[in-house]
Amino acid sequence: MAAKNDKSPMQASDRDLFNCCREFLQNKDLAGCYDILPYVSVTKQKCLLPLFQEYLYHEDRDMQLLAVCALGAVGAGEAVPWLLEILNREESRHGPGCQKLQTNLLHALAEIGDDLASIPLKRLFDQVRPGDTFRRKRRLIIIDALEGIARQGGKVALQQLLTCLDHEDFLVRANAVSSIAGAFWHRPNEMPEHIFNRLLELLNDRDLYVQYSLISALENLADLGCERAMDLFAD
């Protein structure tokens, strides 16, 4: 009797993992694929890119969603143009699950963290289409995505977030404040002085929710050891 293969995905070769994923996809075993994604997220096997690129265009939206999550897990910059293309397709804006698809695409771009996505994301943010009931929510998710990219060092993403501080929608301004602060979560004392001072200007915002968001963001920065923010709350 042949010995049972007890190798985990972490121990599997690129070929083994590719064949395993392909078999799951051919059998539409989505649960099996999702079980492997945590390992893919750790090992970042680029061998899987062609496979999930193919399924990114699948007519079954559940298969498409899986491919999006998998490409985000691999975290390769090569996938950014593919994800942006799907995000901007008219078919992605309609039908059951379209909002979930758009949301997952944005999360995948944030997870990859490639700054090349930042300007296209802001362009999508600025789009106004008749009957687009998801526009406001999408804008807030785009801000979150830009934060994810800026946190990984995306300078363009950070600049796009700064432009959102002047937006007419108070929710956009409030979320931009939180995201700019969040972008420096692991390096709180590296926030440039001009950005810190720009945030402080929002203490005079006409909307109390924006002011509250700023105070909360400053408190978080202080808790993380940001010296400028700590000085604001010193007795």
C-alpha atoms as a PDB file:
ATOM      1  CA  MET A   1       0.000   0.000   0.000  1.00  0.00           C
ATOM      2  CA  ALA A   2       1.341   3.372  -0.917  1.00  0.00           C
ATOM      3  CA  ALA A   3       2.288   5.594   1.984  1.00  0.00           C
ATOM      4  CA  LYS A   4      -0.107   8.406   2.691  1.00  0.00           C
ATOM      5  CA  ASN A   5       1.196  11.878   1.801  1.00  0.00           C
ATOM      6  CA  ASP A   6       1.095  13.780   5.092  1.00  0.00           C
ATOM      7  CA  LYS A   7       2.875  16.888   3.846  1.00  0.00           C
ATOM      8  CA  SER A   8       1.234  20.148   4.807  1.00  0.00           C
ATOM      9  CA  PRO A   9       0.996  22.939   2.229  1.00  0.00           C
ATOM     10  CA  MET A  10       3.971  24.562   3.976  1.00  0.00           C
ATOM     11  CA  GLN A  11       6.058  21.482   3.158  1.00  0.00           C
ATOM     12  CA  ALA A  12       4.742  21.007  -0.366  1.00  0.00           C
ATOM     13  CA  SER A  13       6.789  21.944  -3.402  1.00  0.00           C
ATOM     14  CA  ASP A  14       5.603  24.641  -5.814  1.00  0.00           C
ATOM     15  CA  ARG A  15       4.462  21.920  -8.219  1.00  0.00           C
ATOM     16  CA  ASP A  16       2.565  20.067  -5.470  1.00  0.00           C
ATOM     17  CA  LEU A  17       0.804  23.207  -4.324  1.00  0.00           C
ATOM     18  CA  PHE A  18      -0.035  24.281  -7.862  1.00  0.00           C
ATOM     19  CA  ASN A  19      -1.515  20.871  -8.679  1.00  0.00           C
ATOM     20  CA  CYS A  20      -3.419  20.781  -5.404  1.00  0.00           C
ATOM     21  CA  CYS A  21      -4.978  24.188  -6.025  1.00  0.00           C
ATOM     22  CA  ARG A  22      -5.771  23.309  -9.627  1.00  0.00           C
ATOM     23  CA  GLU A  23      -7.528  20.128  -8.527  1.00  0.00           C
ATOM     24  CA  PHE A  24      -9.563  22.006  -5.947  1.00  0.00           C
ATOM     25  CA  LEU A  25     -10.552  24.613  -8.529  1.00  0.00           C
ATOM     26  CA  GLN A  26     -11.496  22.059 -11.154  1.00  0.00           C
ATOM     27  CA  ASN A  27     -13.705  20.315  -8.598  1.00  0.00           C
ATOM     28  CA  LYS A  28     -15.049  23.688  -7.392  1.00  0.00           C
ATOM     29  CA  ASP A  29     -13.883  22.787  -3.903  1.00  0.00           C
ATOM     30  CA  LEU A  30     -13.778  26.369  -2.648  1.00  0.00           C
ATOM     31  CA  ALA A  31     -13.422  25.315   0.986  1.00  0.00           C
ATOM     32  CA  GLY A  32     -10.272  23.360   0.138  1.00  0.00           C
ATOM     33  CA  CYS A  33      -8.754  26.364  -1.596  1.00  0.00           C
ATOM     34  CA  TYR A  34      -9.620  28.733   1.232  1.00  0.00           C
ATOM     35  CA  ASP A  35      -7.990  26.313   3.686  1.00  0.00           C
ATOM     36  CA  ILE A  36      -4.723  26.655   1.764  1.00  0.00           C
ATOM     37  CA  LEU A  37      -4.748  30.462   1.553  1.00  0.00           C
ATOM     38  CA  PRO A  38      -3.178  31.069   5.000  1.00  0.00           C
ATOM     39  CA  TYR A  39      -0.180  29.019   3.867  1.00  0.00           C
ATOM     40  CA  VAL A  40      -0.083  30.873   0.570  1.00  0.00           C
ATOM     41  CA  SER A  41      -0.079  34.145   2.509  1.00  0.00           C
ATOM     42  CA  VAL A  42       3.007  33.045   4.418  1.00  0.00           C
ATOM     43  CA  THR A  43       4.966  31.376   1.625  1.00  0.00           C
ATOM     44  CA  LYS A  44       3.998  33.769  -1.206  1.00  0.00           C
ATOM     45  CA  GLN A  45       4.396  31.210  -4.010  1.00  0.00           C
ATOM     46  CA  LYS A  46       4.317  33.090  -7.285  1.00  0.00           C
ATOM     47  CA  CYS A  47       3.850  29.791  -9.088  1.00  0.00           C
ATOM     48  CA  LEU A  48       0.141  30.189  -8.322  1.00  0.00           C
ATOM     49  CA  LEU A  49      -0.226  33.517 -10.138  1.00  0.00           C
ATOM     50  CA  PRO A  50      -1.104  32.122 -13.611  1.00  0.00           C
ATOM     51  CA  LEU A  51      -3.666  29.746 -12.107  1.00  0.00           C
ATOM     52  CA  PHE A  52      -5.519  32.388 -10.140  1.00  0.00           C
ATOM     53  CA  GLN A  53      -5.183  34.945 -12.917  1.00  0.00           C
ATOM     54  CA  GLU A  54      -7.178  32.535 -15.079  1.00  0.00           C
ATOM     55  CA  TYR A  55      -9.896  32.133 -12.457  1.00  0.00           C
ATOM     56  CA  LEU A  56     -10.041  35.872 -11.883  1.00  0.00           C
ATOM     57  CA  TYR A  57     -12.095  36.031 -15.086  1.00  0.00           C
ATOM     58  CA  HIS A  58     -14.338  33.092 -14.225  1.00  0.00           C
ATOM     59  CA  GLU A  59     -18.057  33.507 -14.903  1.00  0.00           C
ATOM     60  CA  ASP A  60     -18.845  32.073 -11.454  1.00  0.00           C
ATOM     61  CA  ARG A  61     -18.558  34.988  -9.040  1.00  0.00           C
ATOM     62  CA  ASP A  62     -17.647  32.740  -6.114  1.00  0.00           C
ATOM     63  CA  MET A  63     -14.702  31.399  -8.094  1.00  0.00           C
ATOM     64  CA  GLN A  64     -13.784  34.953  -8.987  1.00  0.00           C
ATOM     65  CA  LEU A  65     -13.881  35.998  -5.322  1.00  0.00           C
ATOM     66  CA  LEU A  66     -11.600  33.112  -4.419  1.00  0.00           C
ATOM     67  CA  ALA A  67      -9.107  34.155  -7.090  1.00  0.00           C
ATOM     68  CA  VAL A  68      -9.114  37.720  -5.748  1.00  0.00           C
ATOM     69  CA  CYS A  69      -8.406  36.515  -2.206  1.00  0.00           C
ATOM     70  CA  ALA A  70      -5.676  34.179  -3.458  1.00  0.00           C
ATOM     71  CA  LEU A  71      -3.917  36.927  -5.433  1.00  0.00           C
ATOM     72  CA  GLY A  72      -4.035  39.157  -2.374  1.00  0.00           C
ATOM     73  CA  ALA A  73      -2.551  36.314  -0.319  1.00  0.00           C
ATOM     74  CA  VAL A  74       0.326  35.818  -2.777  1.00  0.00           C
ATOM     75  CA  GLY A  75       0.928  39.553  -2.510  1.00  0.00           C
ATOM     76  CA  ALA A  76       2.752  39.957  -5.824  1.00  0.00           C
ATOM     77  CA  GLY A  77       2.808  43.286  -7.625  1.00  0.00           C
ATOM     78  CA  GLU A  78       2.250  41.475 -10.926  1.00  0.00           C
ATOM     79  CA  ALA A  79      -1.388  40.983  -9.925  1.00  0.00           C
ATOM     80  CA  VAL A  80      -2.141  44.696  -9.471  1.00  0.00           C
ATOM     81  CA  PRO A  81      -3.030  45.409 -13.145  1.00  0.00           C
ATOM     82  CA  TRP A  82      -5.282  42.330 -13.240  1.00  0.00           C
ATOM     83  CA  LEU A  83      -7.149  43.337 -10.098  1.00  0.00           C
ATOM     84  CA  LEU A  84      -7.545  46.935 -11.276  1.00  0.00           C
ATOM     85  CA  GLU A  85      -8.883  45.736 -14.617  1.00  0.00           C
ATOM     86  CA  ILE A  86     -11.565  43.645 -12.918  1.00  0.00           C
ATOM     87  CA  LEU A  87     -12.359  46.486 -10.520  1.00  0.00           C
ATOM     88  CA  ASN A  88     -13.014  48.864 -13.410  1.00  0.00           C
ATOM     89  CA  ARG A  89     -15.049  46.449 -15.534  1.00  0.00           C
ATOM     90  CA  GLU A  90     -18.696  47.310 -15.963  1.00  0.00           C
ATOM     91  CA  GLU A  91     -19.652  43.718 -15.100  1.00  0.00           C
ATOM     92  CA  SER A  92     -18.106  44.142 -11.649  1.00  0.00           C
ATOM     93  CA  ARG A  93     -20.613  46.889 -10.830  1.00  0.00           C
ATOM     94  CA  HIS A  94     -23.760  44.876 -11.386  1.00  0.00           C
ATOM     95  CA  GLY A  95     -25.401  41.659 -10.329  1.00  0.00           C
ATOM     96  CA  PRO A  96     -25.442  39.604  -7.142  1.00  0.00           C
ATOM     97  CA  GLY A  97     -22.279  39.932  -5.105  1.00  0.00           C
ATOM     98  CA  CYS A  98     -20.930  42.928  -7.027  1.00  0.00           C
ATOM     99  CA  GLN A  99     -20.339  44.978  -3.891  1.00  0.00           C
ATOM    100  CA  LYS A 100     -18.564  42.086  -2.189  1.00  0.00           C
ATOM    101  CA  LEU A 101     -16.409  41.620  -5.278  1.00  0.00           C
ATOM    102  CA  GLN A 102     -15.414  45.289  -5.349  1.00  0.00           C
ATOM    103  CA  THR A 103     -14.692  45.221  -1.621  1.00  0.00           C
ATOM    104  CA  ASN A 104     -12.489  42.129  -1.905  1.00  0.00           C
ATOM    105  CA  LEU A 105     -10.632  43.595  -4.864  1.00  0.00           C
ATOM    106  CA  LEU A 106      -9.823  46.702  -2.847  1.00  0.00           C
ATOM    107  CA  HIS A 107      -8.729  44.628   0.147  1.00  0.00           C
ATOM    108  CA  ALA A 108      -6.463  42.545  -2.097  1.00  0.00           C
ATOM    109  CA  LEU A 109      -4.817  45.684  -3.495  1.00  0.00           C
ATOM    110  CA  ALA A 110      -4.250  46.915   0.056  1.00  0.00           C
ATOM    111  CA  GLU A 111      -2.753  43.576   1.038  1.00  0.00           C
ATOM    112  CA  ILE A 112      -0.349  43.625  -1.904  1.00  0.00           C
ATOM    113  CA  GLY A 113       0.606  47.190  -1.008  1.00  0.00           C
ATOM    114  CA  ASP A 114       1.994  48.247  -4.387  1.00  0.00           C
ATOM    115  CA  ASP A 115       1.991  52.050  -4.702  1.00  0.00           C
ATOM    116  CA  LEU A 116       1.307  51.755  -8.438  1.00  0.00           C
ATOM    117  CA  ALA A 117      -2.331  51.115  -7.513  1.00  0.00           C
ATOM    118  CA  SER A 118      -2.702  54.415  -5.639  1.00  0.00           C
ATOM    119  CA  ILE A 119      -3.463  56.805  -8.486  1.00  0.00           C
ATOM    120  CA  PRO A 120      -5.913  54.416 -10.203  1.00  0.00           C
ATOM    121  CA  LEU A 121      -7.642  53.965  -6.837  1.00  0.00           C
ATOM    122  CA  LYS A 122      -7.986  57.714  -6.363  1.00  0.00           C
ATOM    123  CA  ARG A 123      -9.280  57.987  -9.918  1.00  0.00           C
ATOM    124  CA  LEU A 124     -11.953  55.431  -9.065  1.00  0.00           C
ATOM    125  CA  PHE A 125     -12.660  57.337  -5.847  1.00  0.00           C
ATOM    126  CA  ASP A 126     -13.372  60.493  -7.862  1.00  0.00           C
ATOM    127  CA  GLN A 127     -15.698  58.791 -10.344  1.00  0.00           C
ATOM    128  CA  VAL A 128     -19.345  59.822 -10.265  1.00  0.00           C
ATOM    129  CA  ARG A 129     -21.822  57.561 -12.042  1.00  0.00           C
ATOM    130  CA  PRO A 130     -25.611  57.902 -12.100  1.00  0.00           C
ATOM    131  CA  GLY A 131     -27.362  55.361  -9.906  1.00  0.00           C
ATOM    132  CA  ASP A 132     -24.158  54.242  -8.175  1.00  0.00           C
ATOM    133  CA  THR A 133     -25.560  53.341  -4.748  1.00  0.00           C
ATOM    134  CA  PHE A 134     -22.220  51.920  -3.604  1.00  0.00           C
ATOM    135  CA  ARG A 135     -20.221  55.081  -4.291  1.00  0.00           C
ATOM    136  CA  ARG A 136     -19.979  56.427  -0.732  1.00  0.00           C
ATOM    137  CA  LYS A 137     -19.161  53.054   0.793  1.00  0.00           C
ATOM    138  CA  ARG A 138     -16.647  52.363  -1.980  1.00  0.00           C
ATOM    139  CA  ARG A 139     -14.918  55.655  -1.275  1.00  0.00           C
ATOM    140  CA  LEU A 140     -14.451  54.721   2.365  1.00  0.00           C
ATOM    141  CA  ILE A 141     -13.070  51.305   1.411  1.00  0.00           C
ATOM    142  CA  ILE A 142     -10.687  52.960  -1.049  1.00  0.00           C
ATOM    143  CA  ILE A 143      -9.426  55.147   1.792  1.00  0.00           C
ATOM    144  CA  ASP A 144      -8.799  51.977   3.809  1.00  0.00           C
ATOM    145  CA  ALA A 145      -6.964  50.471   0.827  1.00  0.00           C
ATOM    146  CA  LEU A 146      -4.795  53.572   0.456  1.00  0.00           C
ATOM    147  CA  GLU A 147      -3.977  53.313   4.148  1.00  0.00           C
ATOM    148  CA  GLY A 148      -2.838  49.727   3.646  1.00  0.00           C
ATOM    149  CA  ILE A 149      -0.561  50.793   0.811  1.00  0.00           C
ATOM    150  CA  ALA A 150       0.755  53.836   2.691  1.00  0.00           C
ATOM    151  CA  ARG A 151       1.489  51.671   5.728  1.00  0.00           C
ATOM    152  CA  GLN A 152       3.787  49.614   3.510  1.00  0.00           C
ATOM    153  CA  GLY A 153       5.655  52.741   2.456  1.00  0.00           C
ATOM    154  CA  GLY A 154       3.476  53.994  -0.388  1.00  0.00           C
ATOM    155  CA  LYS A 155       4.271  57.690  -0.724  1.00  0.00           C
ATOM    156  CA  VAL A 156       1.747  58.249  -3.506  1.00  0.00           C
ATOM    157  CA  ALA A 157      -0.962  56.584  -1.430  1.00  0.00           C
ATOM    158  CA  LEU A 158      -0.184  58.918   1.457  1.00  0.00           C
ATOM    159  CA  GLN A 159      -0.466  61.952  -0.820  1.00  0.00           C
ATOM    160  CA  GLN A 160      -3.828  60.727  -2.098  1.00  0.00           C
ATOM    161  CA  LEU A 161      -5.038  60.394   1.493  1.00  0.00           C
ATOM    162  CA  LEU A 162      -3.964  63.955   2.220  1.00  0.00           C
ATOM    163  CA  THR A 163      -6.142  65.262  -0.619  1.00  0.00           C
ATOM    164  CA  CYS A 164      -9.132  63.589   1.051  1.00  0.00           C
ATOM    165  CA  LEU A 165      -8.795  65.901   4.071  1.00  0.00           C
ATOM    166  CA  ASP A 166     -10.433  68.637   1.981  1.00  0.00           C
ATOM    167  CA  HIS A 167     -13.317  66.498   0.742  1.00  0.00           C
ATOM    168  CA  GLU A 168     -16.852  67.821   1.110  1.00  0.00           C
ATOM    169  CA  ASP A 169     -18.090  64.586   2.712  1.00  0.00           C
ATOM    170  CA  PHE A 170     -17.399  64.626   6.452  1.00  0.00           C
ATOM    171  CA  LEU A 171     -17.136  60.827   6.511  1.00  0.00           C
ATOM    172  CA  VAL A 172     -14.379  60.962   3.914  1.00  0.00           C
ATOM    173  CA  ARG A 173     -12.472  63.573   5.921  1.00  0.00           C
ATOM    174  CA  ALA A 174     -12.896  61.626   9.154  1.00  0.00           C
ATOM    175  CA  ASN A 175     -11.758  58.345   7.628  1.00  0.00           C
ATOM    176  CA  ALA A 176      -8.835  60.039   5.903  1.00  0.00           C
ATOM    177  CA  VAL A 177      -7.665  61.370   9.267  1.00  0.00           C
ATOM    178  CA  SER A 178      -7.789  57.897  10.800  1.00  0.00           C
ATOM    179  CA  SER A 179      -6.082  56.337   7.793  1.00  0.00           C
ATOM    180  CA  ILE A 180      -3.232  58.842   7.696  1.00  0.00           C
ATOM    181  CA  ALA A 181      -2.560  58.174  11.357  1.00  0.00           C
ATOM    182  CA  GLY A 182      -2.923  54.428  10.744  1.00  0.00           C
ATOM    183  CA  ALA A 183      -0.363  54.573   7.954  1.00  0.00           C
ATOM    184  CA  PHE A 184       2.256  55.342  10.630  1.00  0.00           C
ATOM    185  CA  TRP A 185       1.057  52.640  13.007  1.00  0.00           C
ATOM    186  CA  HIS A 186       4.427  50.847  13.105  1.00  0.00           C
ATOM    187  CA  ARG A 187       6.572  54.003  12.783  1.00  0.00           C
ATOM    188  CA  PRO A 188       4.688  56.730  14.672  1.00  0.00           C
ATOM    189  CA  ASN A 189       7.680  59.055  15.040  1.00  0.00           C
ATOM    190  CA  GLU A 190       8.361  59.035  11.307  1.00  0.00           C
ATOM    191  CA  MET A 191       5.257  61.069  10.463  1.00  0.00           C
ATOM    192  CA  PRO A 192       6.555  64.260   8.799  1.00  0.00           C
ATOM    193  CA  GLU A 193       5.900  67.428  10.750  1.00  0.00           C
ATOM    194  CA  HIS A 194       3.917  69.022   7.913  1.00  0.00           C
ATOM    195  CA  ILE A 195       1.542  66.033   7.838  1.00  0.00           C
ATOM    196  CA  PHE A 196       1.105  66.093  11.609  1.00  0.00           C
ATOM    197  CA  ASN A 197       0.353  69.828  11.475  1.00  0.00           C
ATOM    198  CA  ARG A 198      -2.082  69.281   8.599  1.00  0.00           C
ATOM    199  CA  LEU A 199      -3.987  66.822  10.773  1.00  0.00           C
ATOM    200  CA  LEU A 200      -4.102  69.318  13.630  1.00  0.00           C
ATOM    201  CA  GLU A 201      -5.869  71.790  11.342  1.00  0.00           C
ATOM    202  CA  LEU A 202      -8.854  69.435  11.390  1.00  0.00           C
ATOM    203  CA  LEU A 203      -9.435  70.357  15.045  1.00  0.00           C
ATOM    204  CA  ASN A 204     -11.238  73.343  13.535  1.00  0.00           C
ATOM    205  CA  ASP A 205     -13.294  71.249  11.124  1.00  0.00           C
ATOM    206  CA  ARG A 206     -16.920  72.275  10.868  1.00  0.00           C
ATOM    207  CA  ASP A 207     -18.070  68.748  11.672  1.00  0.00           C
ATOM    208  CA  LEU A 208     -17.774  67.369  15.200  1.00  0.00           C
ATOM    209  CA  TYR A 209     -17.383  63.803  13.933  1.00  0.00           C
ATOM    210  CA  VAL A 210     -14.206  64.809  12.083  1.00  0.00           C
ATOM    211  CA  GLN A 211     -12.900  66.508  15.225  1.00  0.00           C
ATOM    212  CA  TYR A 212     -13.672  63.404  17.280  1.00  0.00           C
ATOM    213  CA  SER A 213     -11.925  61.178  14.719  1.00  0.00           C
ATOM    214  CA  LEU A 214      -8.841  63.377  14.881  1.00  0.00           C
ATOM    215  CA  ILE A 215      -8.685  63.307  18.673  1.00  0.00           C
ATOM    216  CA  SER A 216      -9.085  59.524  18.628  1.00  0.00           C
ATOM    217  CA  ALA A 217      -6.326  59.214  15.995  1.00  0.00           C
ATOM    218  CA  LEU A 218      -4.002  61.436  18.027  1.00  0.00           C
ATOM    219  CA  GLU A 219      -4.665  59.371  21.145  1.00  0.00           C
ATOM    220  CA  ASN A 220      -3.800  56.208  19.227  1.00  0.00           C
ATOM    221  CA  LEU A 221      -0.582  57.772  17.973  1.00  0.00           C
ATOM    222  CA  ALA A 222       0.297  58.818  21.507  1.00  0.00           C
ATOM    223  CA  ASP A 223      -0.332  55.284  22.748  1.00  0.00           C
ATOM    224  CA  LEU A 224       2.032  54.029  20.033  1.00  0.00           C
ATOM    225  CA  GLY A 225       4.770  56.366  21.241  1.00  0.00           C
ATOM    226  CA  CYS A 226       4.453  59.294  18.844  1.00  0.00           C
ATOM    227  CA  GLU A 227       6.275  62.063  20.709  1.00  0.00           C
ATOM    228  CA  ARG A 228       4.362  64.926  19.076  1.00  0.00           C
ATOM    229  CA  ALA A 229       1.032  63.341  19.964  1.00  0.00           C
ATOM    230  CA  MET A 230       2.190  62.511  23.483  1.00  0.00           C
ATOM    231  CA  ASP A 231       3.102  66.161  24.027  1.00  0.00           C
ATOM    232  CA  LEU A 232      -0.470  67.175  23.188  1.00  0.00           C
ATOM    233  CA  PHE A 233      -1.854  65.014  25.983  1.00  0.00           C
ATOM    234  CA  ALA A 234       0.849  65.737  28.547  1.00  0.00           C
ATOM    235  CA  ASP A 235      -0.379  67.112  31.878  1.00  0.00           C
END
